């Protein structure tokens, strides 16, 4: 889905559990560039 303030930026969020650890993964597409952010929750 697009972000609220700019319809050209696509973003999605995933919250998987990997090896018992809750994670936060954010994927953003901005001007044909893929940006992936990871955080341990």
PDB file of N, CA and C in Angstrom:
ATOM      1  N   UNK A   1       0.827  -1.172   0.000  1.00  0.00           N
ATOM      2  CA  UNK A   1       0.000   0.000   0.000  1.00  0.00           C
ATOM      3  C   UNK A   1       0.876   1.242   0.000  1.00  0.00           C
ATOM      4  N   UNK A   2       0.327   2.347  -0.409  1.00  0.00           N
ATOM      5  CA  UNK A   2       1.096   3.589  -0.431  1.00  0.00           C
ATOM      6  C   UNK A   2       1.056   4.245   0.946  1.00  0.00           C
ATOM      7  N   UNK A   3       2.042   5.123   1.195  1.00  0.00           N
ATOM      8  CA  UNK A   3       2.033   5.849   2.463  1.00  0.00           C
ATOM      9  C   UNK A   3       1.076   7.026   2.352  1.00  0.00           C
ATOM     10  N   UNK A   4       0.633   7.546   3.473  1.00  0.00           N
ATOM     11  CA  UNK A   4      -0.419   8.564   3.482  1.00  0.00           C
ATOM     12  C   UNK A   4      -0.015   9.880   2.821  1.00  0.00           C
ATOM     13  N   UNK A   5       1.192  10.353   3.044  1.00  0.00           N
ATOM     14  CA  UNK A   5       1.553  11.679   2.542  1.00  0.00           C
ATOM     15  C   UNK A   5       2.153  11.682   1.135  1.00  0.00           C
ATOM     16  N   UNK A   6       2.370  10.479   0.539  1.00  0.00           N
ATOM     17  CA  UNK A   6       2.933  10.432  -0.822  1.00  0.00           C
ATOM     18  C   UNK A   6       2.486   9.140  -1.498  1.00  0.00           C
ATOM     19  N   UNK A   7       1.599   9.244  -2.461  1.00  0.00           N
ATOM     20  CA  UNK A   7       1.039   8.056  -3.113  1.00  0.00           C
ATOM     21  C   UNK A   7       2.036   7.335  -4.023  1.00  0.00           C
ATOM     22  N   UNK A   8       3.229   7.888  -4.236  1.00  0.00           N
ATOM     23  CA  UNK A   8       4.224   7.234  -5.089  1.00  0.00           C
ATOM     24  C   UNK A   8       5.164   6.319  -4.305  1.00  0.00           C
ATOM     25  N   UNK A   9       5.098   6.367  -2.979  1.00  0.00           N
ATOM     26  CA  UNK A   9       5.959   5.537  -2.126  1.00  0.00           C
ATOM     27  C   UNK A   9       5.137   4.358  -1.616  1.00  0.00           C
ATOM     28  N   UNK A  10       5.607   3.144  -1.921  1.00  0.00           N
ATOM     29  CA  UNK A  10       4.927   1.928  -1.503  1.00  0.00           C
ATOM     30  C   UNK A  10       5.614   1.355  -0.279  1.00  0.00           C
ATOM     31  N   UNK A  11       4.800   0.853   0.665  1.00  0.00           N
ATOM     32  CA  UNK A  11       5.360   0.335   1.902  1.00  0.00           C
ATOM     33  C   UNK A  11       4.489  -0.813   2.402  1.00  0.00           C
ATOM     34  N   UNK A  12       5.148  -1.826   2.981  1.00  0.00           N
ATOM     35  CA  UNK A  12       4.434  -2.937   3.597  1.00  0.00           C
ATOM     36  C   UNK A  12       5.194  -3.352   4.839  1.00  0.00           C
ATOM     37  N   UNK A  13       4.482  -3.869   5.832  1.00  0.00           N
ATOM     38  CA  UNK A  13       5.082  -4.259   7.105  1.00  0.00           C
ATOM     39  C   UNK A  13       4.717  -5.708   7.396  1.00  0.00           C
ATOM     40  N   UNK A  14       5.700  -6.463   7.855  1.00  0.00           N
ATOM     41  CA  UNK A  14       5.510  -7.858   8.248  1.00  0.00           C
ATOM     42  C   UNK A  14       5.999  -8.023   9.675  1.00  0.00           C
ATOM     43  N   UNK A  15       5.326  -8.876  10.448  1.00  0.00           N
ATOM     44  CA  UNK A  15       5.720  -9.131  11.836  1.00  0.00           C
ATOM     45  C   UNK A  15       5.845 -10.635  12.077  1.00  0.00           C
ATOM     46  N   UNK A  16       6.853 -11.266  11.482  1.00  0.00           N
ATOM     47  CA  UNK A  16       7.017 -12.713  11.663  1.00  0.00           C
ATOM     48  C   UNK A  16       7.738 -13.035  12.975  1.00  0.00           C
ATOM     49  N   UNK A  17       7.648 -14.292  13.363  1.00  0.00           N
ATOM     50  CA  UNK A  17       8.451 -14.816  14.464  1.00  0.00           C
ATOM     51  C   UNK A  17       9.493 -15.730  13.843  1.00  0.00           C
ATOM     52  N   UNK A  18      10.768 -15.420  14.079  1.00  0.00           N
ATOM     53  CA  UNK A  18      11.871 -16.174  13.502  1.00  0.00           C
ATOM     54  C   UNK A  18      12.698 -16.762  14.632  1.00  0.00           C
ATOM     55  N   UNK A  19      12.735 -18.090  14.691  1.00  0.00           N
ATOM     56  CA  UNK A  19      13.461 -18.800  15.752  1.00  0.00           C
ATOM     57  C   UNK A  19      13.066 -18.302  17.135  1.00  0.00           C
ATOM     58  N   UNK A  20      11.762 -18.080  17.329  1.00  0.00           N
ATOM     59  CA  UNK A  20      11.242 -17.660  18.619  1.00  0.00           C
ATOM     60  C   UNK A  20      11.374 -16.181  18.921  1.00  0.00           C
ATOM     61  N   UNK A  21      11.867 -15.390  17.984  1.00  0.00           N
ATOM     62  CA  UNK A  21      12.057 -13.953  18.191  1.00  0.00           C
ATOM     63  C   UNK A  21      11.048 -13.194  17.329  1.00  0.00           C
ATOM     64  N   UNK A  22      10.268 -12.314  17.958  1.00  0.00           N
ATOM     65  CA  UNK A  22       9.329 -11.474  17.211  1.00  0.00           C
ATOM     66  C   UNK A  22      10.110 -10.405  16.463  1.00  0.00           C
ATOM     67  N   UNK A  23       9.839 -10.289  15.175  1.00  0.00           N
ATOM     68  CA  UNK A  23      10.570  -9.339  14.330  1.00  0.00           C
ATOM     69  C   UNK A  23       9.600  -8.363  13.678  1.00  0.00           C
ATOM     70  N   UNK A  24      10.144  -7.249  13.229  1.00  0.00           N
ATOM     71  CA  UNK A  24       9.403  -6.221  12.507  1.00  0.00           C
ATOM     72  C   UNK A  24      10.183  -5.972  11.224  1.00  0.00           C
ATOM     73  N   UNK A  25       9.561  -6.241  10.087  1.00  0.00           N
ATOM     74  CA  UNK A  25      10.217  -6.056   8.793  1.00  0.00           C
ATOM     75  C   UNK A  25       9.381  -5.070   7.979  1.00  0.00           C
ATOM     76  N   UNK A  26      10.018  -3.986   7.560  1.00  0.00           N
ATOM     77  CA  UNK A  26       9.336  -2.978   6.750  1.00  0.00           C
ATOM     78  C   UNK A  26      10.002  -2.933   5.379  1.00  0.00           C
ATOM     79  N   UNK A  27       9.189  -3.049   4.336  1.00  0.00           N
ATOM     80  CA  UNK A  27       9.666  -3.005   2.953  1.00  0.00           C
ATOM     81  C   UNK A  27       9.104  -1.733   2.321  1.00  0.00           C
ATOM     82  N   UNK A  28       9.994  -0.913   1.755  1.00  0.00           N
ATOM     83  CA  UNK A  28       9.596   0.343   1.124  1.00  0.00           C
ATOM     84  C   UNK A  28      10.164   0.384  -0.289  1.00  0.00           C
ATOM     85  N   UNK A  29       9.347   0.810  -1.249  1.00  0.00           N
ATOM     86  CA  UNK A  29       9.813   1.027  -2.621  1.00  0.00           C
ATOM     87  C   UNK A  29       9.679   2.516  -2.908  1.00  0.00           C
ATOM     88  N   UNK A  30      10.825   3.135  -3.209  1.00  0.00           N
ATOM     89  CA  UNK A  30      10.881   4.570  -3.458  1.00  0.00           C
ATOM     90  C   UNK A  30      11.713   4.802  -4.709  1.00  0.00           C
ATOM     91  N   UNK A  31      11.099   5.300  -5.754  1.00  0.00           N
ATOM     92  CA  UNK A  31      11.798   5.561  -7.021  1.00  0.00           C
ATOM     93  C   UNK A  31      12.550   4.330  -7.525  1.00  0.00           C
ATOM     94  N   UNK A  32      11.890   3.181  -7.557  1.00  0.00           N
ATOM     95  CA  UNK A  32      12.456   1.908  -8.028  1.00  0.00           C
ATOM     96  C   UNK A  32      13.606   1.395  -7.166  1.00  0.00           C
ATOM     97  N   UNK A  33      13.721   1.879  -5.936  1.00  0.00           N
ATOM     98  CA  UNK A  33      14.728   1.393  -4.991  1.00  0.00           C
ATOM     99  C   UNK A  33      14.004   0.653  -3.873  1.00  0.00           C
ATOM    100  N   UNK A  34      14.464  -0.561  -3.570  1.00  0.00           N
ATOM    101  CA  UNK A  34      13.883  -1.367  -2.501  1.00  0.00           C
ATOM    102  C   UNK A  34      14.663  -1.124  -1.217  1.00  0.00           C
ATOM    103  N   UNK A  35      13.970  -0.707  -0.164  1.00  0.00           N
ATOM    104  CA  UNK A  35      14.573  -0.468   1.144  1.00  0.00           C
ATOM    105  C   UNK A  35      13.933  -1.446   2.118  1.00  0.00           C
ATOM    106  N   UNK A  36      14.754  -2.233   2.812  1.00  0.00           N
ATOM    107  CA  UNK A  36      14.255  -3.208   3.775  1.00  0.00           C
ATOM    108  C   UNK A  36      14.807  -2.845   5.147  1.00  0.00           C
ATOM    109  N   UNK A  37      13.911  -2.702   6.131  1.00  0.00           N
ATOM    110  CA  UNK A  37      14.305  -2.377   7.499  1.00  0.00           C
ATOM    111  C   UNK A  37      13.923  -3.540   8.403  1.00  0.00           C
ATOM    112  N   UNK A  38      14.817  -3.899   9.324  1.00  0.00           N
ATOM    113  CA  UNK A  38      14.578  -4.984  10.266  1.00  0.00           C
ATOM    114  C   UNK A  38      14.701  -4.456  11.689  1.00  0.00           C
ATOM    115  N   UNK A  39      13.836  -4.940  12.579  1.00  0.00           N
ATOM    116  CA  UNK A  39      13.948  -4.628  14.003  1.00  0.00           C
ATOM    117  C   UNK A  39      13.540  -5.863  14.793  1.00  0.00           C
ATOM    118  N   UNK A  40      14.174  -6.070  15.915  1.00  0.00           N
ATOM    119  CA  UNK A  40      13.752  -7.115  16.844  1.00  0.00           C
ATOM    120  C   UNK A  40      12.749  -6.484  17.789  1.00  0.00           C
ATOM    121  N   UNK A  41      11.608  -7.123  17.954  1.00  0.00           N
ATOM    122  CA  UNK A  41      10.567  -6.577  18.835  1.00  0.00           C
ATOM    123  C   UNK A  41      10.653  -7.194  20.192  1.00  0.00           C
TER     124      UNK A  41
END
